[in-house]
Amino acid sequence: MLLLISVLFGTQALCSWAASAPARELPSVLLSPSCHDAAVEEAADLALDQINADRTEGYILSLYRIFSVREHPQEIPGSVFYLILDVVDTECHVLSKRPWKNCRVRPAHKTVYGQCKAIIYINQSRKIAHLNTYECNLQPVPPRYIWGVCPDCPVDDCPTEPKYLETAVKSLAKFNEESEQTHYFSVLNVTRASMQWVIGPAHFVEFVIQETSCSKRDPVADISKCEPLSPESAQMGFCKGSVVNSDMEHKQSVTISCEIYSPQNPVTEEGKLQTNQRSDESNQNDQQASPAETKPFSLHLEKTKGCVKILPPTTEDISFHKLTESQNEHEDSKPVPPKPIECMSTPPAPDGEKTQADKPGLTEPITGPVILPFPAELSLSDSCPGEAKQTDAILHPLLTRKPAKV
């Protein structure tokens, strides 16, 4: 009898452990939600806004379509989404801090396009969206595609050439003379340049400007001699200018338009979370949090890491799928080890819940989302890639289609 009781208690304990074990373990298989799913659309929206907010150079990227998505539900509330997004650049500089939906996409023959990989953790119950890592590979539309659609359009050129800096300086002189700013501005860098023959050579530039210490109350012969104000206190600006020469009339026509941005305080990780909270009515109707969600804990989130690389024009698409294939072959067709990703760090092995013993008085457990290496396998959903946000005859053949399943 005693032996029977022992067996029964042992069996009960084993069953109890087996029933509770799955609740403590994370799913080992990544989900493949639809690229049309509302939660996926929101994840892509938030990820792209945070990619743009993290950058200090270049232009705001706009979503062309969701190429692939994998989802990893977490033991803590929320999910980690692994996204591949087809993107195009806009006419807004990243200094404007505008949401990508508020920026006008460039005409296809002027655009830069490519793909971004992003890992983002989203916790709807706590209104948290945190971008962990990202990597974007971009390139201009190849010239042969442009000439077929717009043979007379301005041709993009290297913005670091002296003639384009001269164009920016001449354009800015007009702005400094006509604007109501209290200080002179100087050219920080030329971000885009092109040339076209109209009634003579015409040069077009887009460039960033920075406020200087020289007051407009005092005439200044050479703005380049003015000391720029510190980045913490200086106003920044983004300008579009042109200098058109008339060979017949021997005249120059100068145009300029600028947006000026006030100094912005650096955003802390905590502030970033507050900024990324959504107030949409759809989010206000979330289900009541479960007891596990209401348990107090301090959330540990790593600092966002990522980069954007702009490649030279080519006739080949630059999807991550194609990049991986090209990295696996030499010119002699022999396989080589794949090159490591340069700007998406490999996360450490998941260690589950942590405690913060180095901070006295903090008794709440510290935990965070488990970030896995970016999955090599694309979405298994037939809905991916998703529909393009806009139809374009130039971009459509350039952006890769989902490879056939083997």
Foldseek 3Di string as FASTA:
>chain_A
DVVVVVVVVVVVVVVVCVVCVVLVDWDPDWAWDFQPDPVNVVLVQLQLLVVLLVDDWDFRKDFFFWFFWTWTQFSAAWIKIWTKTKIKGFPHTSLVSDRRVPTHGDALQFIKIWIKIWIWTAHLVVLFIGTAEMETEIEHQDVVLNCVPPVQDWDWDDQPDPVNQVLVQVQLVVVQVPDPDQFRKDFDGWDTKTWGADLHIKIKTKTKIKGFPHTPVDDDPDCVVTHGDDLQFIKMKIKIKMWHAHPVVRDIDIHMDMDIGGRDDDADPVNVRVVSRDPDPVSVPDDDDDPSNPQDAAEDGDDYWYDYHYDYHDPAADYPVVLQVVQQQDPVRHGDDHDDDDIGDADDADDAKADDPVDPPDDHIYGYGDDHPNDPDGRPDPCRRDHTPDDDPSVVVRDDHDDDDD
